[in-house]
Amino acid sequence: MKLNVDVLRYLSKDDFRVLTAVEMGMRNHEIVPAELIDRIASLKHGGTYKVLKNLLKHKLLHHDSSKYDGFRLTYLGYDFLAIKTMVNRGVFMAVGRQIGVGKESDIFEVAKEDGTILAIKLHRLGRVSFRAVKSKRDYLQHRTSYSWLYLSRLAAIKEFAFMKALEEHGFPVPNAVDCNRHCVVMSLVQGYPLVQVKQLQNPDMVFERIVGLVVRLAEHGLIHCDFNEFNIMIDDDEKVTMIDFPQMVSVDHRNAQMYFDRDVECVFKFFSKRFNLSFQESPDDIDGSEVDTDESGRPRFSSIEKGPGSLDKELAASGFTKKDQEDMEKYTEGGIETDAGCSDEESEGGGHSSDSEFNGSSIGGVDSLQLQDQEEQTLNCDGEGRVEANQQNSEVGQSQTSGPETQDVGDEEEDNQTMDNNDAELTKRLRKQNRRVMASVRGGRKTVASRNSYKDKGGKSSHNSKMQKQLSGW
């Protein structure tokens, strides 16, 4: 949606109050009812419906009556709320032309009161070109329900945090100024995207500098995950600047090596095609970082050593959680201690027990399988207890028996009886469990026949009953 800030100057306080009320209602409503908006806005002289009509005219809200009558914010309305907040803070005073557009964001020029030009990035997740956000990005983490506005806000917060931390550690990134809702204000990079550059004076030096940035990020515990010619800015002095950070992950991520190799491959592929660079000789030193390389000169992910002050811990990057940090601290302090009562054989076989526990937890989501396993375990335990009790009774009754042969025969018969009882109980419980499953599938309702089945409308049964009555009367 095109950002037309001319409408912004004509909006009143009541308009922004109603927009804020819709935003607050969208925290727990997909579509906010008009009555709730009126209650949250609580305008002094009323007129909420008139304000809603004005906001609909400027496409700041969307009216939806598919499920029930209500309203929701559009990206333009969300833009106006963020811009109004930034203007009230004094971050900038004017919005200029659009200087960039991507699959998940728009970038505009903004001007401060003293004339300094900044850049504002508006995240717009949910476009047709990039809607696989839930599978491609991990903004949601453990959440299941989401809206595009909320995802855009999460992406902006992550990007601002990464940009601030990388700037403090001396990485060539834009200067992060402020963040609100789904927009990030940063310094304007004086340069061009690398994809627009056709010729370089020193392509070898630029290439080594860019690959060195990938390695240096990994040494700080981060992987860019989208490091290509579209997200690398270069100026007239061939100074490199990185942009676009919301998708960064930790080097402890399960797919970290794949992301790292993909970033390196993008750089190698672009420079080989655009500037005809050959990578037969592998450099020993890439931008001051000593890493092992393969035959083609690509740095190996396994040879990169993570530094002590890693940014993935500081920023809680994806792939490195607090639980992982606690586990790492346990292992570094001395590992998990075995119980004092365990024998040597149990301590040596601890790996097998942990594997069995892991396998049990991995199938814990399947309720039927877990219930059957638990029932079989309880039945086996009951069977063993009964067998032991029968064995004790047989030992007590040895004096009453005439010989060892009769005692053995009695024990075998008792064992067979207990096994039969166990099998009977097992089949009984399994049948009961199957009945419960079928009842839950049917929704707990019993199948009730139709009323017409109880009514006999002149059929054979009614004719036979009439004949029986007549015979009994005779």
Protein backbone atom coordinates (compact mmCIF):
# COMPACT_ATOMS: atom_id res chain seq x y z
CA MET A 1 0.00 0.00 0.00
CA LYS A 2 1.32 3.40 -0.97
CA LEU A 3 2.25 5.69 1.91
CA ASN A 4 0.55 9.05 1.42
CA VAL A 5 1.47 11.25 4.36
CA ASP A 6 -0.60 14.18 3.07
CA VAL A 7 -3.60 12.71 4.86
CA LEU A 8 -1.65 12.76 8.14
CA ARG A 9 -1.89 16.52 8.55
CA TYR A 10 -5.70 16.45 8.33
CA LEU A 11 -6.26 13.82 11.04
CA SER A 12 -7.48 15.05 14.41
CA LYS A 13 -6.87 13.79 17.93
CA ASP A 14 -10.14 11.86 17.85
CA ASP A 15 -9.00 10.05 14.71
CA PHE A 16 -5.77 8.91 16.36
CA ARG A 17 -7.69 8.03 19.51
CA VAL A 18 -9.97 5.70 17.55
CA LEU A 19 -6.99 4.24 15.65
CA THR A 20 -5.30 3.50 18.98
CA ALA A 21 -8.52 1.93 20.26
CA VAL A 22 -8.62 -0.41 17.25
CA GLU A 23 -4.97 -1.30 17.85
CA MET A 24 -5.67 -2.12 21.49
CA GLY A 25 -8.68 -4.21 20.54
CA MET A 26 -6.63 -6.22 18.05
CA ARG A 27 -4.55 -7.65 20.89
CA ASN A 28 -7.25 -10.25 21.48
CA HIS A 29 -9.58 -9.73 18.51
CA GLU A 30 -8.97 -10.48 14.87
CA ILE A 31 -11.81 -8.09 14.01
CA VAL A 32 -12.68 -5.49 16.65
CA PRO A 33 -16.42 -4.83 17.12
CA ALA A 34 -17.59 -1.24 16.82
CA GLU A 35 -19.08 -1.32 20.35
CA LEU A 36 -15.68 -2.27 21.81
CA ILE A 37 -13.97 0.50 19.83
CA ASP A 38 -16.48 3.02 21.17
CA ARG A 39 -15.92 1.77 24.71
CA ILE A 40 -12.10 1.92 24.48
CA ALA A 41 -11.94 5.29 22.69
CA SER A 42 -14.54 6.87 25.02
CA LEU A 43 -14.74 10.13 23.13
CA LYS A 44 -16.14 12.99 25.19
CA HIS A 45 -18.90 13.97 22.77
CA GLY A 46 -19.39 10.62 21.08
CA GLY A 47 -19.16 10.42 17.34
CA THR A 48 -17.07 7.24 17.16
CA TYR A 49 -19.02 5.95 14.16
CA LYS A 50 -18.42 9.21 12.30
CA VAL A 51 -14.68 8.92 12.96
CA LEU A 52 -14.70 5.29 11.78
CA LYS A 53 -16.36 6.39 8.56
CA ASN A 54 -13.63 9.01 8.02
CA LEU A 55 -10.85 6.49 8.67
CA LEU A 56 -12.45 4.04 6.25
CA LYS A 57 -12.48 6.73 3.57
CA HIS A 58 -8.70 7.18 3.90
CA LYS A 59 -8.16 3.36 4.01
CA LEU A 60 -6.66 3.43 7.48
CA LEU A 61 -9.15 0.78 8.62
CA HIS A 62 -10.78 -2.20 6.97
CA HIS A 63 -14.41 -3.10 7.57
CA ASP A 64 -15.13 -6.83 7.79
CA SER A 65 -18.54 -8.39 8.29
CA SER A 66 -17.81 -11.98 7.25
CA LYS A 67 -17.97 -13.43 10.77
CA TYR A 68 -19.36 -10.43 12.64
CA ASP A 69 -19.41 -6.69 12.12
CA GLY A 70 -16.07 -5.12 13.03
CA PHE A 71 -12.92 -3.29 11.95
CA ARG A 72 -9.20 -3.97 11.78
CA LEU A 73 -6.10 -1.85 11.15
CA THR A 74 -4.49 -1.71 7.73
CA TYR A 75 -0.76 -1.26 7.20
CA LEU A 76 -1.40 2.39 6.30
CA GLY A 77 -3.15 2.99 9.62
CA TYR A 78 -0.31 1.24 11.44
CA ASP A 79 2.17 3.45 9.55
CA PHE A 80 0.35 6.58 10.67
CA LEU A 81 0.38 5.51 14.32
CA ALA A 82 4.14 4.80 14.21
CA ILE A 83 4.96 8.02 12.31
CA LYS A 84 2.84 10.11 14.69
CA THR A 85 4.69 8.62 17.67
CA MET A 86 8.09 9.33 16.07
CA VAL A 87 7.12 12.92 15.29
CA ASN A 88 5.94 13.47 18.87
CA ARG A 89 9.30 12.15 20.11
CA GLY A 90 11.16 14.54 17.81
CA VAL A 91 12.97 11.78 15.89
CA PHE A 92 12.09 13.36 12.54
CA MET A 93 9.79 16.06 11.21
CA ALA A 94 9.14 15.18 7.55
CA VAL A 95 8.76 12.12 5.32
CA GLY A 96 10.28 12.15 1.84
CA ARG A 97 10.49 9.83 -1.15
CA GLN A 98 10.64 6.08 -1.21
CA ILE A 99 14.19 4.84 -1.76
CA GLY A 100 13.76 1.07 -1.50
CA VAL A 101 11.23 -1.73 -1.62
CA GLY A 102 11.62 -5.38 -0.73
CA LYS A 103 9.60 -8.52 -0.26
CA GLU A 104 8.94 -7.68 3.40
CA SER A 105 9.65 -3.94 3.87
CA ASP A 106 9.54 -0.43 2.39
CA ILE A 107 12.22 2.22 2.98
CA PHE A 108 11.62 6.00 2.92
CA GLU A 109 13.68 9.09 3.52
CA VAL A 110 12.86 11.20 6.58
CA ALA A 111 14.30 14.55 7.65
CA LYS A 112 15.11 15.85 11.11
CA GLU A 113 14.46 19.40 12.23
CA ASP A 114 18.08 20.40 11.50
CA GLY A 115 17.90 18.98 7.97
CA THR A 116 19.69 15.67 8.59
CA ILE A 117 18.40 12.93 6.31
CA LEU A 118 17.60 9.55 7.90
CA ALA A 119 16.02 6.36 6.61
CA ILE A 120 12.88 4.72 7.97
CA LYS A 121 12.20 1.04 7.30
CA LEU A 122 8.56 -0.07 7.48
CA HIS A 123 8.19 -3.83 7.81
CA ARG A 124 5.29 -5.20 5.77
CA LEU A 125 5.14 -8.95 6.29
CA GLY A 126 2.32 -10.78 4.54
CA ARG A 127 2.81 -9.66 0.97
CA VAL A 128 1.91 -12.10 -1.78
CA SER A 129 5.59 -12.42 -2.72
CA PHE A 130 6.59 -13.62 0.76
CA ARG A 131 3.87 -15.25 2.85
CA ALA A 132 5.76 -18.34 4.04
CA VAL A 133 6.95 -16.36 7.07
CA LYS A 134 6.03 -19.03 9.60
CA SER A 135 8.26 -21.62 7.91
CA LYS A 136 11.04 -19.27 6.71
CA ARG A 137 11.35 -17.15 9.87
CA ASP A 138 11.07 -17.95 13.56
CA TYR A 139 9.55 -14.73 14.82
CA LEU A 140 6.65 -16.63 16.40
CA GLN A 141 8.74 -19.17 18.36
CA HIS A 142 6.17 -21.03 20.52
CA ARG A 143 3.14 -18.98 19.49
CA THR A 144 0.44 -20.46 17.26
CA SER A 145 -1.88 -17.56 16.43
CA TYR A 146 -0.58 -14.41 14.83
CA SER A 147 -1.38 -11.44 12.61
CA TRP A 148 0.80 -9.82 9.96
CA LEU A 149 0.98 -6.57 11.93
CA TYR A 150 2.24 -8.39 15.00
CA LEU A 151 4.85 -10.29 12.97
CA SER A 152 6.04 -7.03 11.43
CA ARG A 153 6.43 -5.55 14.91
CA LEU A 154 8.49 -8.54 16.06
CA ALA A 155 10.73 -8.27 12.98
CA ALA A 156 11.35 -4.56 13.62
CA ILE A 157 12.25 -5.16 17.27
CA LYS A 158 14.71 -7.92 16.34
CA GLU A 159 16.34 -5.85 13.61
CA PHE A 160 16.77 -2.83 15.89
CA ALA A 161 18.37 -4.99 18.61
CA PHE A 162 20.79 -6.68 16.18
CA MET A 163 21.72 -3.39 14.52
CA LYS A 164 22.42 -1.73 17.88
CA ALA A 165 24.60 -4.60 19.11
CA LEU A 166 26.57 -4.94 15.86
CA GLU A 167 27.24 -1.21 15.83
CA GLU A 168 28.64 -1.36 19.37
CA HIS A 169 31.00 -4.18 18.34
CA GLY A 170 32.42 -2.27 15.38
CA PHE A 171 30.58 -3.90 12.49
CA PRO A 172 29.86 -1.76 9.39
CA VAL A 173 26.10 -1.32 9.85
CA PRO A 174 23.78 1.72 9.78
CA ASN A 175 23.37 3.71 12.97
CA ALA A 176 20.19 2.60 14.76
CA VAL A 177 18.24 5.70 15.90
CA ASP A 178 14.84 4.58 17.18
CA CYS A 179 12.18 1.90 16.85
CA ASN A 180 8.41 1.97 17.26
CA ARG A 181 5.86 -0.66 16.32
CA HIS A 182 6.88 -2.01 12.89
CA CYS A 183 9.24 0.79 11.83
CA VAL A 184 12.97 1.25 12.43
CA VAL A 185 14.72 4.62 11.99
CA MET A 186 18.40 4.43 11.02
CA SER A 187 21.09 6.54 9.44
CA LEU A 188 21.08 6.82 5.65
CA VAL A 189 23.88 4.82 4.04
CA GLN A 190 25.65 6.81 1.32
CA GLY A 191 26.13 4.11 -1.24
CA TYR A 192 24.51 1.67 -3.63
CA PRO A 193 23.43 -1.95 -3.36
CA LEU A 194 26.15 -4.27 -4.60
CA VAL A 195 23.76 -5.74 -7.16
CA GLN A 196 23.74 -2.37 -9.00
CA VAL A 197 27.54 -2.11 -9.18
CA LYS A 198 28.99 -3.14 -12.53
CA GLN A 199 32.68 -2.40 -11.95
CA LEU A 200 35.07 -2.23 -9.00
CA GLN A 201 38.62 -0.93 -8.80
CA ASN A 202 39.73 -3.62 -6.33
CA PRO A 203 37.28 -6.52 -6.55
CA ASP A 204 39.67 -8.89 -4.75
CA MET A 205 39.92 -6.64 -1.69
CA VAL A 206 36.16 -6.08 -1.59
CA PHE A 207 35.56 -9.82 -1.88
CA GLU A 208 37.94 -10.65 0.99
CA ARG A 209 36.36 -7.91 3.09
CA ILE A 210 32.86 -9.28 2.54
CA VAL A 211 33.82 -12.90 3.24
CA GLY A 212 35.69 -11.68 6.31
CA LEU A 213 32.44 -10.11 7.58
CA VAL A 214 30.67 -13.47 7.33
CA VAL A 215 33.47 -15.18 9.28
CA ARG A 216 33.62 -12.37 11.84
CA LEU A 217 29.89 -12.59 12.45
CA ALA A 218 30.23 -16.33 13.06
CA GLU A 219 33.06 -15.68 15.54
CA HIS A 220 30.64 -13.43 17.44
CA GLY A 221 28.02 -16.20 17.44
CA LEU A 222 25.75 -14.92 14.66
CA ILE A 223 24.88 -15.88 11.08
CA HIS A 224 23.23 -13.37 8.76
CA CYS A 225 21.15 -15.98 6.83
CA ASP A 226 20.46 -13.54 3.95
CA PHE A 227 23.93 -12.28 3.10
CA ASN A 228 23.84 -11.53 -0.63
CA GLU A 229 24.39 -8.70 -3.11
CA PHE A 230 21.00 -7.16 -2.27
CA ASN A 231 21.86 -6.66 1.41
CA ILE A 232 25.39 -5.29 0.94
CA MET A 233 25.87 -1.55 0.37
CA ILE A 234 29.06 -0.11 -1.13
CA ASP A 235 30.04 3.54 -1.56
CA ASP A 236 32.42 5.33 -3.94
CA ASP A 237 35.39 4.52 -1.70
CA GLU A 238 34.41 0.81 -1.85
CA LYS A 239 33.46 0.77 1.80
CA VAL A 240 31.09 -2.10 2.61
CA THR A 241 28.00 -1.81 4.84
CA MET A 242 25.66 -4.63 5.89
CA ILE A 243 21.89 -4.19 6.09
CA ASP A 244 18.77 -6.30 6.82
CA PHE A 245 19.17 -8.24 10.09
CA PRO A 246 15.83 -9.56 11.42
CA GLN A 247 16.46 -13.15 10.24
CA MET A 248 19.85 -13.61 11.96
CA VAL A 249 20.34 -16.79 13.99
CA SER A 250 22.90 -18.19 16.40
CA VAL A 251 25.78 -20.46 15.42
CA ASP A 252 24.21 -23.01 17.78
CA HIS A 253 21.13 -23.19 15.56
CA ARG A 254 20.43 -26.67 14.21
CA ASN A 255 20.72 -25.35 10.61
CA ALA A 256 23.63 -22.99 11.31
CA GLN A 257 26.11 -24.70 9.00
CA MET A 258 23.63 -24.71 6.13
CA TYR A 259 22.93 -20.96 6.54
CA PHE A 260 26.64 -20.18 6.82
CA ASP A 261 27.53 -22.16 3.70
CA ARG A 262 24.66 -20.53 1.81
CA ASP A 263 25.84 -17.02 2.70
CA VAL A 264 29.40 -17.83 1.61
CA GLU A 265 28.18 -19.47 -1.59
CA CYS A 266 26.11 -16.38 -2.49
CA VAL A 267 29.19 -14.15 -2.21
CA PHE A 268 31.43 -16.52 -4.20
CA LYS A 269 28.81 -17.02 -6.90
CA PHE A 270 28.16 -13.28 -7.37
CA PHE A 271 31.83 -12.28 -7.62
CA SER A 272 32.63 -15.12 -9.99
CA LYS A 273 29.83 -14.10 -12.36
CA ARG A 274 29.96 -10.31 -12.10
CA PHE A 275 33.73 -9.70 -11.77
CA ASN A 276 35.14 -13.00 -13.17
CA LEU A 277 37.14 -13.83 -10.05
CA SER A 278 38.82 -17.23 -9.81
CA PHE A 279 39.08 -18.99 -6.44
CA GLN A 280 41.63 -21.69 -7.18
CA GLU A 281 44.09 -20.38 -4.59
CA SER A 282 42.74 -20.35 -1.06
CA PRO A 283 43.85 -17.37 1.02
CA ASP A 284 45.44 -18.15 4.37
CA ASP A 285 44.14 -15.02 6.05
CA ILE A 286 40.68 -13.60 5.35
CA ASP A 287 40.32 -10.05 6.68
CA GLY A 288 42.48 -10.78 9.74
CA SER A 289 40.63 -14.01 10.67
CA GLU A 290 42.61 -17.24 10.53
CA VAL A 291 40.23 -19.98 9.42
CA ASP A 292 40.62 -23.20 7.50
CA THR A 293 39.40 -23.22 3.91
CA ASP A 294 38.61 -25.95 1.44
CA GLU A 295 40.12 -26.40 -2.02
CA SER A 296 37.96 -23.64 -3.54
CA GLY A 297 38.88 -21.12 -0.83
CA ARG A 298 35.55 -21.25 1.01
CA PRO A 299 35.90 -20.97 4.81
CA ARG A 300 34.91 -24.02 6.82
CA PHE A 301 32.21 -23.54 9.43
CA SER A 302 33.69 -26.23 11.67
CA SER A 303 37.01 -24.36 11.94
CA ILE A 304 35.48 -21.12 13.26
CA GLU A 305 35.96 -20.64 17.00
CA LYS A 306 33.24 -18.80 18.87
CA GLY A 307 34.49 -16.01 21.13
CA PRO A 308 33.69 -15.68 24.85
CA GLY A 309 31.49 -12.57 24.54
CA SER A 310 29.08 -13.93 21.95
CA LEU A 311 26.23 -11.78 20.72
CA ASP A 312 23.82 -14.69 20.42
CA LYS A 313 23.78 -14.99 24.22
CA GLU A 314 23.39 -11.25 24.68
CA LEU A 315 20.55 -10.94 22.16
CA ALA A 316 19.00 -14.38 22.75
CA ALA A 317 19.26 -15.11 19.03
CA SER A 318 17.25 -17.91 17.53
CA GLY A 319 18.89 -21.27 18.21
CA PHE A 320 20.35 -20.21 21.56
CA THR A 321 17.82 -20.10 24.41
CA LYS A 322 18.15 -19.67 28.15
CA LYS A 323 17.69 -23.42 28.62
CA ASP A 324 20.61 -24.09 26.27
CA GLN A 325 22.72 -21.63 28.23
CA GLU A 326 21.88 -23.33 31.54
CA ASP A 327 22.73 -26.75 30.08
CA MET A 328 26.03 -25.43 28.76
CA GLU A 329 26.88 -23.98 32.17
CA LYS A 330 26.13 -27.32 33.82
CA TYR A 331 28.41 -29.22 31.47
CA THR A 332 31.21 -26.64 31.69
CA GLU A 333 31.11 -26.67 35.50
CA GLY A 334 31.69 -30.42 35.67
CA GLY A 335 28.93 -32.29 33.99
CA ILE A 336 25.92 -34.05 35.42
CA GLU A 337 26.77 -35.98 38.58
CA THR A 338 25.56 -39.53 38.98
CA ASP A 339 23.49 -40.58 41.98
CA ALA A 340 25.37 -41.88 45.02
CA GLY A 341 23.25 -45.00 45.22
CA CYS A 342 23.94 -46.09 41.63
CA SER A 343 26.31 -48.93 41.00
CA ASP A 344 29.13 -48.91 38.48
CA GLU A 345 27.11 -50.89 35.97
CA GLU A 346 24.20 -48.41 36.22
CA SER A 347 26.52 -45.44 35.81
CA GLU A 348 28.19 -47.02 32.77
CA GLY A 349 24.83 -47.80 31.22
CA GLY A 350 23.47 -44.32 31.82
CA GLY A 351 23.54 -43.55 28.11
CA HIS A 352 21.11 -46.37 27.35
CA SER A 353 18.66 -45.19 29.98
CA SER A 354 18.78 -41.63 28.72
CA ASP A 355 18.17 -42.84 25.18
CA SER A 356 15.14 -44.78 26.32
CA GLU A 357 13.80 -41.76 28.19
CA PHE A 358 14.34 -39.59 25.13
CA ASN A 359 12.50 -42.07 22.92
CA GLY A 360 9.67 -42.16 25.42
CA SER A 361 9.40 -38.40 25.44
CA SER A 362 9.55 -38.22 21.66
CA ILE A 363 6.38 -40.28 21.29
CA GLY A 364 4.67 -38.62 24.21
CA GLY A 365 2.54 -36.57 21.85
CA VAL A 366 0.70 -39.69 20.65
CA ASP A 367 -1.79 -40.21 23.46
CA SER A 368 -3.03 -43.64 22.40
CA LEU A 369 0.45 -45.10 22.17
CA GLN A 370 1.47 -43.62 25.48
CA LEU A 371 -1.66 -44.88 27.20
CA GLN A 372 -1.14 -48.37 25.86
CA ASP A 373 2.49 -48.36 26.99
CA GLN A 374 1.50 -47.22 30.48
CA GLU A 375 -1.22 -49.85 30.74
CA GLU A 376 1.12 -52.60 29.61
CA GLN A 377 3.72 -51.48 32.13
CA THR A 378 1.20 -51.44 34.98
CA LEU A 379 -0.13 -54.82 33.94
CA ASN A 380 3.36 -56.28 33.77
CA CYS A 381 4.15 -54.87 37.20
CA ASP A 382 0.91 -56.33 38.59
CA GLY A 383 1.69 -59.65 36.98
CA GLU A 384 5.19 -59.76 38.44
CA GLY A 385 3.87 -58.89 41.88
CA ARG A 386 1.28 -61.63 41.68
CA VAL A 387 3.84 -64.15 40.51
CA GLU A 388 6.11 -63.24 43.41
CA ALA A 389 3.22 -63.55 45.85
CA ASN A 390 2.30 -66.93 44.40
CA GLN A 391 5.91 -68.03 44.71
CA GLN A 392 5.96 -66.99 48.39
CA ASN A 393 2.72 -68.85 49.03
CA SER A 394 4.16 -71.88 47.34
CA GLU A 395 7.31 -71.65 49.48
CA VAL A 396 5.20 -71.39 52.65
CA GLY A 397 3.18 -74.39 51.61
CA GLN A 398 6.16 -76.64 50.91
CA SER A 399 5.68 -78.51 54.19
CA GLN A 400 2.10 -79.36 53.26
CA THR A 401 2.98 -80.84 49.88
CA SER A 402 4.00 -84.45 49.57
CA GLY A 403 6.96 -84.00 47.16
CA PRO A 404 8.85 -81.57 44.95
CA GLU A 405 7.15 -82.79 41.78
CA THR A 406 3.67 -81.83 42.97
CA GLN A 407 5.01 -78.45 44.10
CA ASP A 408 6.48 -77.69 40.66
CA VAL A 409 3.24 -78.70 38.98
CA GLY A 410 1.29 -76.42 41.28
CA ASP A 411 3.61 -73.49 40.60
CA GLU A 412 3.25 -73.96 36.86
CA GLU A 413 -0.53 -74.07 37.13
CA GLU A 414 -0.57 -70.92 39.28
CA ASP A 415 1.76 -69.13 36.83
CA ASN A 416 -0.49 -70.10 33.95
CA GLN A 417 -3.52 -68.83 35.86
CA THR A 418 -1.85 -65.51 36.61
CA MET A 419 -0.80 -65.15 32.96
CA ASP A 420 -4.35 -65.90 31.84
CA ASN A 421 -5.69 -63.35 34.31
CA ASN A 422 -3.20 -60.77 33.06
CA ASP A 423 -4.20 -61.43 29.45
CA ALA A 424 -7.86 -61.17 30.34
CA GLU A 425 -7.33 -57.89 32.19
CA LEU A 426 -5.22 -56.55 29.35
CA THR A 427 -7.85 -57.34 26.74
CA LYS A 428 -10.54 -55.90 29.03
CA ARG A 429 -8.65 -52.62 29.45
CA LEU A 430 -7.87 -52.40 25.74
CA ARG A 431 -11.55 -52.89 24.90
CA LYS A 432 -12.47 -50.22 27.43
CA GLN A 433 -9.89 -47.87 25.95
CA ASN A 434 -11.23 -48.51 22.42
CA ARG A 435 -14.74 -47.67 23.61
CA ARG A 436 -13.48 -44.41 25.08
CA VAL A 437 -11.68 -43.55 21.84
CA MET A 438 -14.79 -44.23 19.77
CA ALA A 439 -16.88 -42.14 22.17
CA SER A 440 -14.43 -39.24 21.94
CA VAL A 441 -14.45 -39.47 18.14
CA ARG A 442 -18.23 -39.32 18.13
CA GLY A 443 -18.13 -36.34 20.45
CA GLY A 444 -19.46 -38.23 23.46
CA ARG A 445 -22.85 -38.78 21.81
CA LYS A 446 -24.60 -42.10 21.48
CA THR A 447 -26.05 -43.09 18.18
CA VAL A 448 -29.79 -42.52 18.45
CA ALA A 449 -32.09 -44.02 15.88
CA SER A 450 -34.65 -41.83 14.16
CA ARG A 451 -38.14 -41.45 15.52
CA ASN A 452 -39.66 -43.15 12.49
CA SER A 453 -37.91 -46.40 13.37
CA TYR A 454 -40.05 -46.72 16.51
CA LYS A 455 -43.26 -46.10 14.62
CA ASP A 456 -44.81 -48.98 12.73
CA LYS A 457 -46.95 -47.56 10.01
CA GLY A 458 -49.10 -50.50 9.05
CA GLY A 459 -46.25 -52.94 8.43
CA LYS A 460 -46.07 -56.71 8.90
CA SER A 461 -45.42 -56.41 12.64
CA SER A 462 -48.63 -54.45 13.21
CA HIS A 463 -50.63 -56.96 11.12
CA ASN A 464 -49.25 -59.88 13.14
CA SER A 465 -50.05 -58.16 16.45
CA LYS A 466 -53.65 -57.62 15.34
CA MET A 467 -53.99 -61.30 14.40
CA GLN A 468 -52.62 -62.34 17.82
CA LYS A 469 -55.16 -60.12 19.61
CA GLN A 470 -58.02 -61.63 17.65
CA LEU A 471 -56.86 -65.20 18.38
CA SER A 472 -56.49 -64.45 22.09
CA GLY A 473 -60.05 -63.03 22.10
CA TRP A 474 -61.39 -66.27 20.65
